[in-house]
Structures are given as C-alpha cells and as structure tokens.
Amino acid sequence: AAQGVEQRPVEPAAGTSLVRDVVRGVCPPLTSDRPPGPDITKIAHLIESGAFTDIEDG
C-alpha cells in the first residue's frame, strides 16, 4: 500500500503519511522483484507491537 500511495500525484493525508513513514522505516520501496514474505513479516511485527496505535488515535 505504501508503494501505491507514493505513486499518486497528490500528497496523502497526515495519518496516511505517518503510516507510510513507519512502514518505510522497515520496508524499502520496491525497486526490483523480491519475495513479499519478509516485508509482510516486518509489517506484522509493527502491527503486533502497536506501532500504529498513536497514529490511529490521532
């Protein structure tokens, strides 16, 4: 999803930008083909750790 947001010609909302930044802290942009498993695992750990809770609560 972060990759898609980065391809849009408009700036995303503040919360969306923060989520993208957190994701990009652990998963670099796709510049070539790679297996998605490691990125999915990293994002799952972010979710489990509550990394998005403060963003969600505003």
PDB file of N, CA and C in Angstrom:
ATOM      1  N   ALA A   1       0.819  -1.192   0.000  1.00  0.00           N
ATOM      2  CA  ALA A   1       0.000   0.000   0.000  1.00  0.00           C
ATOM      3  C   ALA A   1       0.862   1.254   0.000  1.00  0.00           C
ATOM      4  N   ALA A   2       1.988   1.216   0.722  1.00  0.00           N
ATOM      5  CA  ALA A   2       2.877   2.381   0.753  1.00  0.00           C
ATOM      6  C   ALA A   2       3.369   2.706  -0.654  1.00  0.00           C
ATOM      7  N   GLN A   3       3.665   1.677  -1.417  1.00  0.00           N
ATOM      8  CA  GLN A   3       4.135   1.877  -2.788  1.00  0.00           C
ATOM      9  C   GLN A   3       3.070   2.593  -3.618  1.00  0.00           C
ATOM     10  N   GLY A   4       1.827   2.193  -3.466  1.00  0.00           N
ATOM     11  CA  GLY A   4       0.739   2.822  -4.207  1.00  0.00           C
ATOM     12  C   GLY A   4       0.545   4.273  -3.828  1.00  0.00           C
ATOM     13  N   VAL A   5       0.623   4.569  -2.542  1.00  0.00           N
ATOM     14  CA  VAL A   5       0.479   5.953  -2.071  1.00  0.00           C
ATOM     15  C   VAL A   5       1.576   6.818  -2.678  1.00  0.00           C
ATOM     16  N   GLU A   6       2.774   6.267  -2.775  1.00  0.00           N
ATOM     17  CA  GLU A   6       3.903   7.030  -3.317  1.00  0.00           C
ATOM     18  C   GLU A   6       3.779   7.286  -4.816  1.00  0.00           C
ATOM     19  N   GLN A   7       2.951   6.531  -5.502  1.00  0.00           N
ATOM     20  CA  GLN A   7       2.776   6.713  -6.941  1.00  0.00           C
ATOM     21  C   GLN A   7       1.705   7.742  -7.290  1.00  0.00           C
ATOM     22  N   ARG A   8       0.924   8.139  -6.293  1.00  0.00           N
ATOM     23  CA  ARG A   8      -0.163   9.092  -6.550  1.00  0.00           C
ATOM     24  C   ARG A   8       0.389  10.501  -6.726  1.00  0.00           C
ATOM     25  N   PRO A   9      -0.241  11.308  -7.547  1.00  0.00           N
ATOM     26  CA  PRO A   9       0.254  12.664  -7.785  1.00  0.00           C
ATOM     27  C   PRO A   9      -0.110  13.660  -6.683  1.00  0.00           C
ATOM     28  N   VAL A  10      -0.888  13.234  -5.691  1.00  0.00           N
ATOM     29  CA  VAL A  10      -1.279  14.138  -4.604  1.00  0.00           C
ATOM     30  C   VAL A  10      -0.670  13.659  -3.290  1.00  0.00           C
ATOM     31  N   GLU A  11      -0.484  14.592  -2.368  1.00  0.00           N
ATOM     32  CA  GLU A  11       0.053  14.254  -1.052  1.00  0.00           C
ATOM     33  C   GLU A  11      -1.043  13.608  -0.210  1.00  0.00           C
ATOM     34  N   PRO A  12      -0.744  12.493   0.457  1.00  0.00           N
ATOM     35  CA  PRO A  12      -1.763  11.832   1.281  1.00  0.00           C
ATOM     36  C   PRO A  12      -2.056  12.618   2.558  1.00  0.00           C
ATOM     37  N   ALA A  13      -3.128  12.252   3.224  1.00  0.00           N
ATOM     38  CA  ALA A  13      -3.489  12.867   4.495  1.00  0.00           C
ATOM     39  C   ALA A  13      -2.380  12.617   5.517  1.00  0.00           C
ATOM     40  N   ALA A  14      -2.378  13.406   6.581  1.00  0.00           N
ATOM     41  CA  ALA A  14      -1.314  13.339   7.586  1.00  0.00           C
ATOM     42  C   ALA A  14      -1.172  11.943   8.184  1.00  0.00           C
ATOM     43  N   GLY A  15      -2.277  11.319   8.563  1.00  0.00           N
ATOM     44  CA  GLY A  15      -2.213   9.982   9.151  1.00  0.00           C
ATOM     45  C   GLY A  15      -1.663   8.953   8.185  1.00  0.00           C
ATOM     46  N   THR A  16      -2.074   9.046   6.932  1.00  0.00           N
ATOM     47  CA  THR A  16      -1.580   8.128   5.906  1.00  0.00           C
ATOM     48  C   THR A  16      -0.084   8.317   5.701  1.00  0.00           C
ATOM     49  N   SER A  17       0.365   9.560   5.711  1.00  0.00           N
ATOM     50  CA  SER A  17       1.800   9.839   5.569  1.00  0.00           C
ATOM     51  C   SER A  17       2.597   9.245   6.722  1.00  0.00           C
ATOM     52  N   LEU A  18       2.058   9.355   7.932  1.00  0.00           N
ATOM     53  CA  LEU A  18       2.747   8.795   9.097  1.00  0.00           C
ATOM     54  C   LEU A  18       2.838   7.274   9.014  1.00  0.00           C
ATOM     55  N   VAL A  19       1.748   6.632   8.610  1.00  0.00           N
ATOM     56  CA  VAL A  19       1.769   5.171   8.448  1.00  0.00           C
ATOM     57  C   VAL A  19       2.796   4.784   7.392  1.00  0.00           C
ATOM     58  N   ARG A  20       2.805   5.475   6.282  1.00  0.00           N
ATOM     59  CA  ARG A  20       3.782   5.190   5.221  1.00  0.00           C
ATOM     60  C   ARG A  20       5.206   5.333   5.753  1.00  0.00           C
ATOM     61  N   ASP A  21       5.465   6.372   6.535  1.00  0.00           N
ATOM     62  CA  ASP A  21       6.807   6.584   7.077  1.00  0.00           C
ATOM     63  C   ASP A  21       7.226   5.455   8.017  1.00  0.00           C
ATOM     64  N   VAL A  22       6.293   4.981   8.839  1.00  0.00           N
ATOM     65  CA  VAL A  22       6.594   3.858   9.737  1.00  0.00           C
ATOM     66  C   VAL A  22       6.902   2.606   8.915  1.00  0.00           C
ATOM     67  N   VAL A  23       6.088   2.346   7.906  1.00  0.00           N
ATOM     68  CA  VAL A  23       6.320   1.182   7.046  1.00  0.00           C
ATOM     69  C   VAL A  23       7.667   1.309   6.342  1.00  0.00           C
ATOM     70  N   ARG A  24       7.963   2.477   5.827  1.00  0.00           N
ATOM     71  CA  ARG A  24       9.227   2.678   5.119  1.00  0.00           C
ATOM     72  C   ARG A  24      10.429   2.567   6.056  1.00  0.00           C
ATOM     73  N   GLY A  25      10.212   2.715   7.342  1.00  0.00           N
ATOM     74  CA  GLY A  25      11.291   2.521   8.302  1.00  0.00           C
ATOM     75  C   GLY A  25      11.782   1.081   8.360  1.00  0.00           C
ATOM     76  N   VAL A  26      10.946   0.143   7.932  1.00  0.00           N
ATOM     77  CA  VAL A  26      11.328  -1.277   7.955  1.00  0.00           C
ATOM     78  C   VAL A  26      11.306  -1.933   6.577  1.00  0.00           C
ATOM     79  N   CYS A  27      10.618  -1.341   5.621  1.00  0.00           N
ATOM     80  CA  CYS A  27      10.495  -1.923   4.277  1.00  0.00           C
ATOM     81  C   CYS A  27      10.837  -0.871   3.229  1.00  0.00           C
ATOM     82  N   PRO A  28      11.938  -1.055   2.515  1.00  0.00           N
ATOM     83  CA  PRO A  28      12.278  -0.090   1.474  1.00  0.00           C
ATOM     84  C   PRO A  28      11.322  -0.204   0.287  1.00  0.00           C
ATOM     85  N   PRO A  29      11.263   0.846  -0.548  1.00  0.00           N
ATOM     86  CA  PRO A  29      10.422   0.774  -1.746  1.00  0.00           C
ATOM     87  C   PRO A  29      10.857  -0.386  -2.651  1.00  0.00           C
ATOM     88  N   LEU A  30       9.910  -0.888  -3.410  1.00  0.00           N
ATOM     89  CA  LEU A  30      10.220  -1.933  -4.389  1.00  0.00           C
ATOM     90  C   LEU A  30      10.914  -1.301  -5.589  1.00  0.00           C
ATOM     91  N   THR A  31      12.137  -1.702  -5.818  1.00  0.00           N
ATOM     92  CA  THR A  31      12.861  -1.219  -6.992  1.00  0.00           C
ATOM     93  C   THR A  31      13.152  -2.361  -7.956  1.00  0.00           C
ATOM     94  N   SER A  32      12.925  -3.585  -7.465  1.00  0.00           N
ATOM     95  CA  SER A  32      13.066  -4.776  -8.301  1.00  0.00           C
ATOM     96  C   SER A  32      12.191  -5.867  -7.690  1.00  0.00           C
ATOM     97  N   ASP A  33      12.061  -6.959  -8.409  1.00  0.00           N
ATOM     98  CA  ASP A  33      11.234  -8.067  -7.932  1.00  0.00           C
ATOM     99  C   ASP A  33      11.877  -8.688  -6.698  1.00  0.00           C
ATOM    100  N   ARG A  34      11.067  -8.946  -5.653  1.00  0.00           N
ATOM    101  CA  ARG A  34      11.561  -9.633  -4.467  1.00  0.00           C
ATOM    102  C   ARG A  34      10.391 -10.338  -3.793  1.00  0.00           C
ATOM    103  N   PRO A  35      10.669 -11.368  -3.019  1.00  0.00           N
ATOM    104  CA  PRO A  35       9.592 -12.071  -2.327  1.00  0.00           C
ATOM    105  C   PRO A  35       8.931 -11.149  -1.297  1.00  0.00           C
ATOM    106  N   PRO A  36       7.613 -11.180  -1.181  1.00  0.00           N
ATOM    107  CA  PRO A  36       6.929 -10.294  -0.241  1.00  0.00           C
ATOM    108  C   PRO A  36       6.967 -10.774   1.209  1.00  0.00           C
ATOM    109  N   GLY A  37       7.294 -12.043   1.441  1.00  0.00           N
ATOM    110  CA  GLY A  37       7.240 -12.610   2.786  1.00  0.00           C
ATOM    111  C   GLY A  37       7.982 -11.824   3.855  1.00  0.00           C
ATOM    112  N   PRO A  38       9.253 -11.455   3.635  1.00  0.00           N
ATOM    113  CA  PRO A  38       9.968 -10.705   4.666  1.00  0.00           C
ATOM    114  C   PRO A  38       9.323  -9.347   4.991  1.00  0.00           C
ATOM    115  N   ASP A  39       8.826  -8.656   3.976  1.00  0.00           N
ATOM    116  CA  ASP A  39       8.155  -7.371   4.225  1.00  0.00           C
ATOM    117  C   ASP A  39       6.864  -7.578   5.012  1.00  0.00           C
ATOM    118  N   ILE A  40       6.111  -8.606   4.663  1.00  0.00           N
ATOM    119  CA  ILE A  40       4.861  -8.897   5.371  1.00  0.00           C
ATOM    120  C   ILE A  40       5.153  -9.208   6.834  1.00  0.00           C
ATOM    121  N   THR A  41       6.202  -9.976   7.089  1.00  0.00           N
ATOM    122  CA  THR A  41       6.578 -10.304   8.467  1.00  0.00           C
ATOM    123  C   THR A  41       6.952  -9.046   9.247  1.00  0.00           C
ATOM    124  N   LYS A  42       7.717  -8.158   8.636  1.00  0.00           N
ATOM    125  CA  LYS A  42       8.117  -6.912   9.305  1.00  0.00           C
ATOM    126  C   LYS A  42       6.904  -6.049   9.630  1.00  0.00           C
ATOM    127  N   ILE A  43       5.974  -5.942   8.697  1.00  0.00           N
ATOM    128  CA  ILE A  43       4.778  -5.131   8.931  1.00  0.00           C
ATOM    129  C   ILE A  43       3.885  -5.787   9.977  1.00  0.00           C
ATOM    130  N   ALA A  44       3.805  -7.112   9.971  1.00  0.00           N
ATOM    131  CA  ALA A  44       3.032  -7.817  11.005  1.00  0.00           C
ATOM    132  C   ALA A  44       3.599  -7.524  12.388  1.00  0.00           C
ATOM    133  N   HIS A  45       4.923  -7.478  12.500  1.00  0.00           N
ATOM    134  CA  HIS A  45       5.545  -7.146  13.787  1.00  0.00           C
ATOM    135  C   HIS A  45       5.207  -5.715  14.210  1.00  0.00           C
ATOM    136  N   LEU A  46       5.171  -4.805  13.248  1.00  0.00           N
ATOM    137  CA  LEU A  46       4.777  -3.425  13.564  1.00  0.00           C
ATOM    138  C   LEU A  46       3.355  -3.387  14.118  1.00  0.00           C
ATOM    139  N   ILE A  47       2.462  -4.101  13.475  1.00  0.00           N
ATOM    140  CA  ILE A  47       1.063  -4.136  13.919  1.00  0.00           C
ATOM    141  C   ILE A  47       0.974  -4.731  15.320  1.00  0.00           C
ATOM    142  N   GLU A  48       1.649  -5.860  15.531  1.00  0.00           N
ATOM    143  CA  GLU A  48       1.615  -6.529  16.834  1.00  0.00           C
ATOM    144  C   GLU A  48       2.220  -5.674  17.941  1.00  0.00           C
ATOM    145  N   SER A  49       3.213  -4.855  17.603  1.00  0.00           N
ATOM    146  CA  SER A  49       3.880  -4.025  18.609  1.00  0.00           C
ATOM    147  C   SER A  49       3.088  -2.770  18.957  1.00  0.00           C
ATOM    148  N   GLY A  50       2.034  -2.493  18.195  1.00  0.00           N
ATOM    149  CA  GLY A  50       1.237  -1.295  18.440  1.00  0.00           C
ATOM    150  C   GLY A  50       1.822  -0.039  17.817  1.00  0.00           C
ATOM    151  N   ALA A  51       2.713  -0.204  16.853  1.00  0.00           N
ATOM    152  CA  ALA A  51       3.386   0.937  16.229  1.00  0.00           C
ATOM    153  C   ALA A  51       2.422   1.929  15.587  1.00  0.00           C
ATOM    154  N   PHE A  52       1.238   1.465  15.218  1.00  0.00           N
ATOM    155  CA  PHE A  52       0.284   2.344  14.547  1.00  0.00           C
ATOM    156  C   PHE A  52      -0.776   2.909  15.492  1.00  0.00           C
ATOM    157  N   THR A  53      -0.740   2.511  16.757  1.00  0.00           N
ATOM    158  CA  THR A  53      -1.785   2.914  17.705  1.00  0.00           C
ATOM    159  C   THR A  53      -1.852   4.423  17.884  1.00  0.00           C
ATOM    160  N   ASP A  54      -0.710   5.068  18.081  1.00  0.00           N
ATOM    161  CA  ASP A  54      -0.709   6.523  18.271  1.00  0.00           C
ATOM    162  C   ASP A  54      -1.219   7.247  17.037  1.00  0.00           C
ATOM    163  N   ILE A  55      -0.891   6.732  15.873  1.00  0.00           N
ATOM    164  CA  ILE A  55      -1.375   7.336  14.632  1.00  0.00           C
ATOM    165  C   ILE A  55      -2.884   7.184  14.552  1.00  0.00           C
ATOM    166  N   GLU A  56      -3.365   6.008  14.880  1.00  0.00           N
ATOM    167  CA  GLU A  56      -4.790   5.710  14.825  1.00  0.00           C
ATOM    168  C   GLU A  56      -5.583   6.575  15.804  1.00  0.00           C
ATOM    169  N   ASP A  57      -5.005   6.807  16.984  1.00  0.00           N
ATOM    170  CA  ASP A  57      -5.691   7.596  17.998  1.00  0.00           C
ATOM    171  C   ASP A  57      -5.602   9.093  17.733  1.00  0.00           C
ATOM    172  N   GLY A  58      -4.755   9.469  16.778  1.00  0.00           N
ATOM    173  CA  GLY A  58      -4.657  10.852  16.377  1.00  0.00           C
ATOM    174  C   GLY A  58      -3.820  11.679  17.268  1.00  0.00           C
TER     175      GLY A  58
END
